């Protein structure tokens, strides 16, 4: 997710302070990677530097001094361009779970002590444990989205995450069924 474009999108509703933008981000993207306040302010400074946002003013309203930011015409244009841009599918399929399965097979093929002083990895056991962790997260997300009064942003974010977790679980099931063939292939048999 592009933090700069998300902040520009939040600024499209009107001028706002960094603190308020962070709160809006948390409300609009409840299941997204958390955004630190420092990242908000650093991104806002870059947006101002790049002419995509401007400082509207500063004020304290009885509290700490806060800077009010607004989107510029150039910022609105950039936001519109970005929002219409097609997000390319990932060019490479990189998956940490798959890497751990292959490495586990390689270490097991090296024989006792192949993992040095650490535990001997077991690809099938790893897939079972990973599947259990995914299923637990899926239960959490299902509960979250079915909570009475859950807002649509939360429901949609949970649906997105559930679809990806479901794809992972299906992949793990298929890989578990093919583990002997994969082991033979990895070991060059």
N, C-alpha and C. Protein backbone atom coordinates (compact mmCIF):
# COMPACT_ATOMS: atom_id res chain seq x y z
N UNK A 1 0.86 -1.16 0.00
CA UNK A 1 0.00 0.00 0.00
C UNK A 1 0.91 1.23 0.00
N UNK A 2 0.56 2.21 -0.77
CA UNK A 2 1.31 3.46 -0.87
C UNK A 2 0.84 4.43 0.20
N UNK A 3 1.65 4.62 1.21
CA UNK A 3 1.28 5.52 2.31
C UNK A 3 1.02 6.93 1.80
N UNK A 4 1.86 7.40 0.89
CA UNK A 4 1.70 8.77 0.40
C UNK A 4 0.36 8.95 -0.29
N UNK A 5 -0.07 7.95 -1.06
CA UNK A 5 -1.33 8.08 -1.77
C UNK A 5 -2.53 7.92 -0.82
N UNK A 6 -2.38 7.06 0.16
CA UNK A 6 -3.46 6.91 1.15
C UNK A 6 -3.64 8.23 1.91
N UNK A 7 -2.52 8.86 2.31
CA UNK A 7 -2.64 10.14 3.01
C UNK A 7 -3.23 11.22 2.10
N UNK A 8 -2.83 11.22 0.82
CA UNK A 8 -3.45 12.17 -0.12
C UNK A 8 -4.95 11.91 -0.22
N UNK A 9 -5.33 10.64 -0.24
CA UNK A 9 -6.75 10.30 -0.29
C UNK A 9 -7.50 10.79 0.94
N UNK A 10 -6.87 10.67 2.09
CA UNK A 10 -7.51 11.16 3.32
C UNK A 10 -7.58 12.69 3.31
N UNK A 11 -6.57 13.33 2.73
CA UNK A 11 -6.57 14.80 2.64
C UNK A 11 -7.60 15.30 1.63
N UNK A 12 -8.05 14.44 0.73
CA UNK A 12 -9.04 14.84 -0.27
C UNK A 12 -10.34 15.30 0.39
N UNK A 13 -10.61 14.80 1.59
CA UNK A 13 -11.82 15.19 2.31
C UNK A 13 -11.70 16.60 2.90
N UNK A 14 -10.47 17.13 2.93
CA UNK A 14 -10.26 18.47 3.47
C UNK A 14 -9.01 18.50 4.32
N UNK A 15 -8.56 19.70 4.67
CA UNK A 15 -7.34 19.86 5.46
C UNK A 15 -7.42 19.08 6.78
N UNK A 16 -6.27 18.60 7.20
CA UNK A 16 -6.24 17.80 8.42
C UNK A 16 -4.86 17.85 9.06
N UNK A 17 -4.81 17.58 10.35
CA UNK A 17 -3.56 17.47 11.10
C UNK A 17 -3.04 16.04 10.97
N UNK A 18 -1.75 15.86 11.15
CA UNK A 18 -1.14 14.53 11.08
C UNK A 18 -1.78 13.55 12.05
N UNK A 19 -2.06 14.02 13.27
CA UNK A 19 -2.68 13.17 14.28
C UNK A 19 -4.04 12.66 13.79
N UNK A 20 -4.82 13.55 13.20
CA UNK A 20 -6.15 13.17 12.71
C UNK A 20 -6.03 12.22 11.51
N UNK A 21 -5.04 12.44 10.66
CA UNK A 21 -4.83 11.55 9.52
C UNK A 21 -4.51 10.13 10.00
N UNK A 22 -3.71 10.03 11.04
CA UNK A 22 -3.37 8.71 11.61
C UNK A 22 -4.64 8.04 12.13
N UNK A 23 -5.48 8.79 12.81
CA UNK A 23 -6.73 8.23 13.34
C UNK A 23 -7.65 7.78 12.20
N UNK A 24 -7.73 8.58 11.14
CA UNK A 24 -8.56 8.21 9.99
C UNK A 24 -8.01 6.96 9.30
N UNK A 25 -6.68 6.89 9.18
CA UNK A 25 -6.06 5.71 8.59
C UNK A 25 -6.45 4.46 9.38
N UNK A 26 -6.31 4.53 10.69
CA UNK A 26 -6.65 3.39 11.55
C UNK A 26 -8.11 2.99 11.40
N UNK A 27 -8.99 3.98 11.23
CA UNK A 27 -10.42 3.69 11.09
C UNK A 27 -10.75 3.12 9.71
N UNK A 28 -10.13 3.65 8.67
CA UNK A 28 -10.43 3.24 7.30
C UNK A 28 -9.74 1.94 6.89
N UNK A 29 -8.58 1.66 7.48
CA UNK A 29 -7.80 0.48 7.12
C UNK A 29 -7.48 -0.33 8.37
N UNK A 30 -8.53 -0.85 9.02
CA UNK A 30 -8.34 -1.49 10.33
C UNK A 30 -7.48 -2.75 10.32
N UNK A 31 -7.40 -3.44 9.21
CA UNK A 31 -6.61 -4.68 9.16
C UNK A 31 -5.28 -4.49 8.44
N UNK A 32 -4.97 -3.26 8.05
CA UNK A 32 -3.71 -2.99 7.35
C UNK A 32 -2.56 -2.93 8.34
N UNK A 33 -1.36 -2.98 7.78
CA UNK A 33 -0.16 -2.85 8.62
C UNK A 33 -0.26 -1.51 9.34
N UNK A 34 -0.02 -1.49 10.65
CA UNK A 34 -0.13 -0.23 11.40
C UNK A 34 0.79 0.85 10.83
N UNK A 35 0.30 2.06 10.89
CA UNK A 35 1.04 3.22 10.41
C UNK A 35 1.48 4.01 11.63
N UNK A 36 2.78 4.19 11.79
CA UNK A 36 3.32 4.92 12.93
C UNK A 36 3.14 6.42 12.72
N UNK A 37 2.99 7.16 13.82
CA UNK A 37 2.86 8.61 13.72
C UNK A 37 4.06 9.21 13.00
N UNK A 38 5.25 8.71 13.30
CA UNK A 38 6.46 9.23 12.66
C UNK A 38 6.39 9.06 11.15
N UNK A 39 5.83 7.95 10.69
CA UNK A 39 5.70 7.72 9.25
C UNK A 39 4.70 8.69 8.64
N UNK A 40 3.64 9.02 9.37
CA UNK A 40 2.66 9.98 8.88
C UNK A 40 3.35 11.32 8.65
N UNK A 41 4.08 11.80 9.66
CA UNK A 41 4.70 13.12 9.57
C UNK A 41 5.83 13.15 8.54
N UNK A 42 6.60 12.10 8.43
CA UNK A 42 7.65 12.03 7.42
C UNK A 42 7.03 12.06 6.03
N UNK A 43 5.97 11.30 5.84
CA UNK A 43 5.30 11.25 4.53
C UNK A 43 4.69 12.61 4.21
N UNK A 44 4.08 13.26 5.20
CA UNK A 44 3.51 14.59 4.96
C UNK A 44 4.59 15.59 4.55
N UNK A 45 5.75 15.53 5.19
CA UNK A 45 6.85 16.43 4.83
C UNK A 45 7.28 16.18 3.39
N UNK A 46 7.34 14.92 2.97
CA UNK A 46 7.71 14.60 1.59
C UNK A 46 6.64 15.08 0.60
N UNK A 47 5.37 14.93 0.98
CA UNK A 47 4.30 15.41 0.12
C UNK A 47 4.40 16.91 -0.08
N UNK A 48 4.71 17.64 0.98
CA UNK A 48 4.89 19.10 0.89
C UNK A 48 6.10 19.40 0.01
N UNK A 49 7.20 18.71 0.25
CA UNK A 49 8.42 18.90 -0.54
C UNK A 49 8.16 18.69 -2.03
N UNK A 50 7.34 17.67 -2.34
CA UNK A 50 7.06 17.31 -3.73
C UNK A 50 5.92 18.12 -4.35
N UNK A 51 5.34 19.04 -3.58
CA UNK A 51 4.28 19.88 -4.10
C UNK A 51 2.92 19.21 -4.17
N UNK A 52 2.77 18.06 -3.54
CA UNK A 52 1.50 17.33 -3.56
C UNK A 52 0.58 17.72 -2.41
N UNK A 53 1.16 18.33 -1.39
CA UNK A 53 0.40 18.83 -0.24
C UNK A 53 1.04 20.15 0.16
N UNK A 54 0.29 20.91 0.93
CA UNK A 54 0.79 22.20 1.42
C UNK A 54 0.37 22.38 2.87
N UNK A 55 1.10 23.23 3.55
CA UNK A 55 0.75 23.57 4.92
C UNK A 55 -0.33 24.63 4.86
N UNK A 56 -1.45 24.34 5.49
CA UNK A 56 -2.59 25.26 5.53
C UNK A 56 -2.43 26.27 6.66
N UNK A 57 -1.75 25.85 7.71
CA UNK A 57 -1.54 26.72 8.87
C UNK A 57 -1.15 25.90 10.07
N UNK A 58 -0.90 26.59 11.15
CA UNK A 58 -0.59 25.91 12.41
C UNK A 58 -1.44 26.53 13.50
N UNK A 59 -1.68 25.73 14.52
CA UNK A 59 -2.45 26.21 15.65
C UNK A 59 -2.32 25.24 16.80
N UNK A 60 -2.70 25.71 17.97
CA UNK A 60 -2.56 24.83 19.13
C UNK A 60 -3.90 24.49 19.76
N UNK A 61 -4.90 25.34 19.61
CA UNK A 61 -6.21 25.10 20.22
C UNK A 61 -6.09 24.66 21.68
N UNK A 62 -5.17 25.27 22.40
CA UNK A 62 -5.00 24.97 23.81
C UNK A 62 -4.14 23.76 24.08
N UNK A 63 -3.69 23.06 23.05
CA UNK A 63 -2.85 21.88 23.21
C UNK A 63 -1.53 22.08 22.49
N UNK A 64 -0.89 21.00 22.14
CA UNK A 64 0.37 21.14 21.42
C UNK A 64 0.13 21.75 20.03
N UNK A 65 1.12 22.45 19.52
CA UNK A 65 0.99 23.06 18.20
C UNK A 65 0.87 21.97 17.14
N UNK A 66 -0.08 22.16 16.25
CA UNK A 66 -0.32 21.19 15.18
C UNK A 66 -0.32 21.90 13.85
N UNK A 67 0.21 21.21 12.87
CA UNK A 67 0.25 21.74 11.51
C UNK A 67 -0.91 21.15 10.73
N UNK A 68 -1.61 22.02 10.03
CA UNK A 68 -2.75 21.62 9.22
C UNK A 68 -2.27 21.47 7.77
N UNK A 69 -2.52 20.31 7.18
CA UNK A 69 -2.09 20.03 5.81
C UNK A 69 -3.30 19.96 4.89
N UNK A 70 -3.08 20.31 3.62
CA UNK A 70 -4.12 20.17 2.62
C UNK A 70 -3.48 19.63 1.34
N UNK A 71 -4.30 19.01 0.52
CA UNK A 71 -3.84 18.51 -0.77
C UNK A 71 -3.77 19.70 -1.73
N UNK A 72 -2.84 19.65 -2.66
CA UNK A 72 -2.74 20.67 -3.70
C UNK A 72 -3.41 20.14 -4.97
N UNK A 73 -3.53 21.00 -5.98
CA UNK A 73 -4.08 20.56 -7.26
C UNK A 73 -3.19 19.46 -7.84
N UNK A 74 -1.88 19.61 -7.71
CA UNK A 74 -0.96 18.58 -8.19
C UNK A 74 -1.15 17.28 -7.40
N UNK A 75 -1.41 17.40 -6.09
CA UNK A 75 -1.67 16.23 -5.26
C UNK A 75 -2.95 15.52 -5.69
N UNK A 76 -3.98 16.28 -6.01
CA UNK A 76 -5.24 15.68 -6.47
C UNK A 76 -5.04 14.97 -7.80
N UNK A 77 -4.27 15.59 -8.69
CA UNK A 77 -3.98 14.96 -9.98
C UNK A 77 -3.21 13.65 -9.78
N UNK A 78 -2.19 13.69 -8.92
CA UNK A 78 -1.38 12.50 -8.64
C UNK A 78 -2.24 11.40 -8.03
N UNK A 79 -3.13 11.76 -7.13
CA UNK A 79 -4.02 10.78 -6.49
C UNK A 79 -4.94 10.13 -7.52
N UNK A 80 -5.51 10.93 -8.41
CA UNK A 80 -6.38 10.39 -9.44
C UNK A 80 -5.63 9.44 -10.38
N UNK A 81 -4.40 9.82 -10.75
CA UNK A 81 -3.57 8.98 -11.62
C UNK A 81 -3.29 7.65 -10.93
N UNK A 82 -2.88 7.71 -9.66
CA UNK A 82 -2.55 6.50 -8.90
C UNK A 82 -3.77 5.59 -8.73
N UNK A 83 -4.92 6.18 -8.41
CA UNK A 83 -6.13 5.39 -8.15
C UNK A 83 -6.58 4.64 -9.40
N UNK A 84 -6.30 5.17 -10.59
CA UNK A 84 -6.70 4.52 -11.83
C UNK A 84 -5.65 3.54 -12.36
N UNK A 85 -4.48 3.58 -11.79
CA UNK A 85 -3.39 2.71 -12.23
C UNK A 85 -3.68 1.26 -11.83
N UNK A 86 -3.54 0.36 -12.77
CA UNK A 86 -3.75 -1.06 -12.48
C UNK A 86 -2.57 -1.58 -11.67
N UNK A 87 -2.86 -2.25 -10.58
CA UNK A 87 -1.82 -2.86 -9.76
C UNK A 87 -1.41 -4.17 -10.41
N UNK A 88 -0.15 -4.24 -10.79
CA UNK A 88 0.33 -5.44 -11.46
C UNK A 88 0.39 -6.61 -10.48
N UNK A 89 0.00 -7.79 -10.95
CA UNK A 89 0.19 -8.97 -10.11
C UNK A 89 1.67 -9.12 -9.78
N UNK A 90 1.96 -9.71 -8.66
CA UNK A 90 3.35 -9.86 -8.24
C UNK A 90 4.14 -10.58 -9.34
N UNK A 91 5.28 -10.02 -9.75
CA UNK A 91 6.04 -10.63 -10.83
C UNK A 91 6.73 -11.94 -10.42
N UNK A 92 6.98 -12.09 -9.14
CA UNK A 92 7.65 -13.29 -8.64
C UNK A 92 6.80 -13.88 -7.54
N UNK A 93 6.74 -15.18 -7.52
CA UNK A 93 6.01 -15.84 -6.45
C UNK A 93 7.02 -16.17 -5.36
N UNK A 94 7.02 -15.34 -4.34
CA UNK A 94 7.90 -15.59 -3.21
C UNK A 94 7.03 -15.87 -2.01
N UNK A 95 7.27 -16.98 -1.41
CA UNK A 95 6.44 -17.38 -0.30
C UNK A 95 7.35 -18.00 0.75
N UNK A 96 7.33 -17.41 1.93
CA UNK A 96 8.18 -17.89 3.01
C UNK A 96 7.82 -19.31 3.41
N UNK A 97 6.55 -19.65 3.35
CA UNK A 97 6.14 -21.00 3.72
C UNK A 97 6.77 -22.02 2.76
N UNK A 98 6.69 -21.74 1.45
CA UNK A 98 7.30 -22.63 0.47
C UNK A 98 8.81 -22.74 0.69
N UNK A 99 9.46 -21.60 0.94
CA UNK A 99 10.90 -21.62 1.18
C UNK A 99 11.24 -22.50 2.39
N UNK A 100 10.45 -22.43 3.45
CA UNK A 100 10.71 -23.24 4.64
C UNK A 100 10.51 -24.73 4.35
N UNK A 101 9.53 -25.06 3.51
CA UNK A 101 9.30 -26.46 3.15
C UNK A 101 10.51 -27.00 2.39
N UNK A 102 10.98 -26.26 1.39
CA UNK A 102 12.12 -26.72 0.60
C UNK A 102 13.38 -26.81 1.45
N UNK A 103 13.61 -25.80 2.28
CA UNK A 103 14.80 -25.82 3.15
C UNK A 103 14.71 -26.99 4.13
N UNK A 104 13.53 -27.26 4.64
CA UNK A 104 13.37 -28.40 5.55
C UNK A 104 13.73 -29.71 4.86
N UNK A 105 13.32 -29.85 3.61
CA UNK A 105 13.65 -31.05 2.83
C UNK A 105 15.16 -31.13 2.62
N UNK A 106 15.78 -30.02 2.28
CA UNK A 106 17.23 -30.00 2.07
C UNK A 106 18.00 -30.37 3.34
N UNK A 107 17.56 -29.82 4.46
CA UNK A 107 18.24 -30.11 5.73
C UNK A 107 18.05 -31.57 6.10
N UNK A 108 16.83 -32.09 5.92
CA UNK A 108 16.58 -33.50 6.23
C UNK A 108 17.43 -34.41 5.36
N UNK A 109 17.64 -34.02 4.09
CA UNK A 109 18.47 -34.83 3.19
C UNK A 109 19.93 -34.82 3.61
N UNK A 110 20.34 -33.76 4.31
CA UNK A 110 21.74 -33.67 4.76
C UNK A 110 22.00 -34.66 5.89
N UNK A 111 20.95 -35.19 6.47
CA UNK A 111 21.11 -36.19 7.54
C UNK A 111 21.22 -35.56 8.91
N UNK A 112 21.42 -36.41 9.93
CA UNK A 112 21.53 -35.92 11.30
C UNK A 112 22.61 -34.85 11.41
N UNK A 113 22.27 -33.79 12.10
CA UNK A 113 23.22 -32.69 12.26
C UNK A 113 23.20 -31.72 11.10
N UNK A 114 22.37 -31.97 10.10
CA UNK A 114 22.28 -31.08 8.96
C UNK A 114 21.81 -29.69 9.34
N UNK A 115 21.08 -29.60 10.42
CA UNK A 115 20.61 -28.31 10.90
C UNK A 115 21.57 -27.75 11.94
N UNK A 116 22.78 -28.27 11.95
CA UNK A 116 23.79 -27.88 12.94
C UNK A 116 23.28 -28.23 14.32
N UNK A 117 23.24 -27.27 15.20
CA UNK A 117 22.83 -27.55 16.58
C UNK A 117 21.34 -27.30 16.81
N UNK A 118 20.63 -26.86 15.75
CA UNK A 118 19.23 -26.53 15.91
C UNK A 118 18.35 -27.75 15.72
N UNK A 119 17.05 -27.55 15.85
CA UNK A 119 16.12 -28.66 15.66
C UNK A 119 16.10 -29.10 14.19
N UNK A 120 15.85 -30.37 13.97
CA UNK A 120 15.75 -30.90 12.61
C UNK A 120 14.40 -30.48 12.03
N UNK A 121 14.41 -29.72 10.94
CA UNK A 121 13.13 -29.31 10.36
C UNK A 121 12.41 -30.49 9.71
N UNK A 122 11.11 -30.45 9.74
CA UNK A 122 10.28 -31.48 9.14
C UNK A 122 9.24 -30.75 8.28
N UNK A 123 9.34 -30.90 6.96
CA UNK A 123 8.48 -30.16 6.03
C UNK A 123 7.00 -30.44 6.28
N UNK A 124 6.62 -31.69 6.42
CA UNK A 124 5.20 -32.03 6.61
C UNK A 124 4.69 -31.49 7.93
N UNK A 125 5.49 -31.59 8.98
CA UNK A 125 5.09 -31.06 10.28
C UNK A 125 4.94 -29.54 10.22
N UNK A 126 5.85 -28.90 9.49
CA UNK A 126 5.76 -27.45 9.35
C UNK A 126 4.46 -27.06 8.64
N UNK A 127 4.12 -27.78 7.58
CA UNK A 127 2.88 -27.48 6.86
C UNK A 127 1.66 -27.66 7.75
N UNK A 128 1.65 -28.71 8.57
CA UNK A 128 0.51 -28.93 9.49
C UNK A 128 0.41 -27.79 10.50
N UNK A 129 1.55 -27.40 11.08
CA UNK A 129 1.54 -26.32 12.07
C UNK A 129 1.15 -24.99 11.44
N UNK A 130 1.67 -24.74 10.25
CA UNK A 130 1.34 -23.50 9.55
C UNK A 130 -0.14 -23.45 9.19
N UNK A 131 -0.68 -24.58 8.77
CA UNK A 131 -2.11 -24.67 8.44
C UNK A 131 -2.95 -24.36 9.69
N UNK A 132 -2.55 -24.91 10.82
CA UNK A 132 -3.27 -24.64 12.07
C UNK A 132 -3.24 -23.15 12.41
N UNK A 133 -2.09 -22.51 12.21
CA UNK A 133 -1.98 -21.07 12.49
C UNK A 133 -2.88 -20.27 11.54
N UNK A 134 -2.90 -20.66 10.28
CA UNK A 134 -3.77 -19.99 9.31
C UNK A 134 -5.24 -20.17 9.68
N UNK A 135 -5.61 -21.37 10.06
CA UNK A 135 -7.01 -21.63 10.42
C UNK A 135 -7.42 -20.79 11.64
N UNK A 136 -6.52 -20.67 12.61
CA UNK A 136 -6.82 -19.84 13.79
C UNK A 136 -7.03 -18.38 13.37
N UNK A 137 -6.16 -17.87 12.50
CA UNK A 137 -6.31 -16.48 12.04
C UNK A 137 -7.61 -16.32 11.26
N UNK A 138 -7.98 -17.33 10.48
CA UNK A 138 -9.24 -17.27 9.74
C UNK A 138 -10.44 -17.22 10.68
N UNK A 139 -10.37 -17.98 11.77
CA UNK A 139 -11.45 -17.93 12.77
C UNK A 139 -11.54 -16.54 13.40
N UNK A 140 -10.38 -15.94 13.70
CA UNK A 140 -10.36 -14.59 14.28
C UNK A 140 -10.98 -13.57 13.33
N UNK A 141 -10.60 -13.65 12.06
CA UNK A 141 -11.13 -12.69 11.07
C UNK A 141 -12.62 -12.90 10.84
N UNK A 142 -13.07 -14.15 10.83
CA UNK A 142 -14.50 -14.43 10.66
C UNK A 142 -15.28 -13.86 11.84
N UNK A 143 -14.76 -14.02 13.05
CA UNK A 143 -15.42 -13.46 14.23
C UNK A 143 -15.44 -11.93 14.14
N UNK A 144 -14.35 -11.35 13.69
CA UNK A 144 -14.26 -9.89 13.58
C UNK A 144 -15.30 -9.36 12.61
N UNK A 145 -15.42 -9.99 11.45
CA UNK A 145 -16.33 -9.47 10.44
C UNK A 145 -17.79 -9.76 10.74
N UNK A 146 -18.06 -10.73 11.61
CA UNK A 146 -19.44 -11.05 11.95
C UNK A 146 -19.86 -10.42 13.28
N UNK A 147 -19.00 -9.61 13.85
CA UNK A 147 -19.34 -8.89 15.08
C UNK A 147 -20.48 -7.92 14.77
N UNK A 148 -21.53 -7.94 15.58
CA UNK A 148 -22.63 -7.01 15.34
C UNK A 148 -22.10 -5.57 15.31
N UNK A 149 -22.50 -4.85 14.28
CA UNK A 149 -22.08 -3.46 14.14
C UNK A 149 -20.73 -3.27 13.47
N UNK A 150 -20.13 -4.35 12.99
CA UNK A 150 -18.83 -4.23 12.30
C UNK A 150 -19.00 -3.32 11.09
N UNK A 151 -18.10 -2.34 10.95
CA UNK A 151 -18.21 -1.43 9.83
C UNK A 151 -17.75 -2.11 8.54
N UNK A 152 -18.19 -1.59 7.42
CA UNK A 152 -17.93 -2.21 6.13
C UNK A 152 -16.43 -2.27 5.83
N UNK A 153 -15.65 -1.27 6.24
CA UNK A 153 -14.20 -1.31 6.00
C UNK A 153 -13.58 -2.53 6.68
N UNK A 154 -14.00 -2.81 7.88
CA UNK A 154 -13.49 -3.97 8.62
C UNK A 154 -13.91 -5.26 7.93
N UNK A 155 -15.16 -5.34 7.51
CA UNK A 155 -15.67 -6.54 6.85
C UNK A 155 -14.92 -6.79 5.54
N UNK A 156 -14.75 -5.75 4.74
CA UNK A 156 -14.06 -5.91 3.45
C UNK A 156 -12.59 -6.27 3.64
N UNK A 157 -11.93 -5.66 4.62
CA UNK A 157 -10.54 -5.99 4.90
C UNK A 157 -10.42 -7.44 5.37
N UNK A 158 -11.35 -7.87 6.20
CA UNK A 158 -11.34 -9.26 6.67
C UNK A 158 -11.61 -10.22 5.52
N UNK A 159 -12.54 -9.88 4.64
CA UNK A 159 -12.81 -10.73 3.47
C UNK A 159 -11.57 -10.87 2.60
N UNK A 160 -10.87 -9.79 2.39
CA UNK A 160 -9.65 -9.81 1.57
C UNK A 160 -8.61 -10.74 2.20
N UNK A 161 -8.39 -10.56 3.50
CA UNK A 161 -7.41 -11.39 4.21
C UNK A 161 -7.84 -12.85 4.21
N UNK A 162 -9.12 -13.11 4.41
CA UNK A 162 -9.63 -14.48 4.42
C UNK A 162 -9.41 -15.17 3.06
N UNK A 163 -9.62 -14.43 1.99
CA UNK A 163 -9.42 -15.02 0.66
C UNK A 163 -7.96 -15.43 0.46
N UNK A 164 -7.05 -14.59 0.93
CA UNK A 164 -5.62 -14.92 0.80
C UNK A 164 -5.22 -16.07 1.71
N UNK A 165 -5.73 -16.06 2.92
CA UNK A 165 -5.43 -17.16 3.84
C UNK A 165 -6.00 -18.47 3.32
N UNK A 166 -7.20 -18.42 2.75
CA UNK A 166 -7.82 -19.61 2.18
C UNK A 166 -6.97 -20.16 1.03
N UNK A 167 -6.46 -19.28 0.20
CA UNK A 167 -5.59 -19.73 -0.91
C UNK A 167 -4.34 -20.40 -0.35
N UNK A 168 -3.77 -19.82 0.71
CA UNK A 168 -2.60 -20.44 1.34
C UNK A 168 -2.93 -21.83 1.90
N UNK A 169 -4.07 -21.94 2.56
CA UNK A 169 -4.47 -23.23 3.14
C UNK A 169 -4.66 -24.27 2.04
N UNK A 170 -5.29 -23.88 0.94
CA UNK A 170 -5.47 -24.82 -0.17
C UNK A 170 -4.11 -25.23 -0.74
N UNK A 171 -3.18 -24.27 -0.85
CA UNK A 171 -1.84 -24.59 -1.33
C UNK A 171 -1.14 -25.55 -0.36
N UNK A 172 -1.28 -25.32 0.94
CA UNK A 172 -0.65 -26.20 1.93
C UNK A 172 -1.23 -27.62 1.84
N UNK A 173 -2.53 -27.73 1.64
CA UNK A 173 -3.17 -29.04 1.51
C UNK A 173 -2.61 -29.77 0.29
N UNK A 174 -2.53 -29.08 -0.84
CA UNK A 174 -1.98 -29.68 -2.07
C UNK A 174 -0.52 -30.06 -1.89
N UNK A 175 0.25 -29.20 -1.28
CA UNK A 175 1.68 -29.46 -1.09
C UNK A 175 1.89 -30.64 -0.14
N UNK A 176 1.09 -30.73 0.91
CA UNK A 176 1.18 -31.86 1.82
C UNK A 176 0.92 -33.16 1.08
N UNK A 177 -0.06 -33.16 0.20
CA UNK A 177 -0.36 -34.36 -0.59
C UNK A 177 0.78 -34.72 -1.54
N UNK A 178 1.56 -33.73 -1.91
CA UNK A 178 2.66 -33.95 -2.87
C UNK A 178 4.04 -33.94 -2.21
N UNK A 179 4.10 -33.98 -0.89
CA UNK A 179 5.38 -33.82 -0.19
C UNK A 179 6.40 -34.88 -0.58
N UNK A 180 5.98 -36.12 -0.78
CA UNK A 180 6.94 -37.18 -1.16
C UNK A 180 7.53 -36.88 -2.54
N UNK A 181 6.69 -36.46 -3.47
CA UNK A 181 7.17 -36.13 -4.82
C UNK A 181 8.09 -34.92 -4.77
N UNK A 182 7.72 -33.90 -4.00
CA UNK A 182 8.57 -32.71 -3.85
C UNK A 182 9.91 -33.08 -3.23
N UNK A 183 9.87 -33.93 -2.21
CA UNK A 183 11.12 -34.34 -1.55
C UNK A 183 12.02 -35.04 -2.55
N UNK A 184 11.48 -35.94 -3.36
CA UNK A 184 12.28 -36.64 -4.36
C UNK A 184 12.86 -35.65 -5.38
N UNK A 185 12.07 -34.67 -5.78
CA UNK A 185 12.53 -33.69 -6.76
C UNK A 185 13.62 -32.80 -6.18
N UNK A 186 13.42 -32.32 -4.95
CA UNK A 186 14.41 -31.45 -4.31
C UNK A 186 15.71 -32.20 -4.09
N UNK A 187 15.60 -33.45 -3.73
CA UNK A 187 16.80 -34.26 -3.46
C UNK A 187 17.41 -34.84 -4.73
N UNK A 188 16.81 -34.54 -5.89
CA UNK A 188 17.37 -34.98 -7.15
C UNK A 188 17.18 -36.45 -7.45
N UNK A 189 16.18 -37.07 -6.85
CA UNK A 189 15.93 -38.50 -7.07
C UNK A 189 15.11 -38.73 -8.30
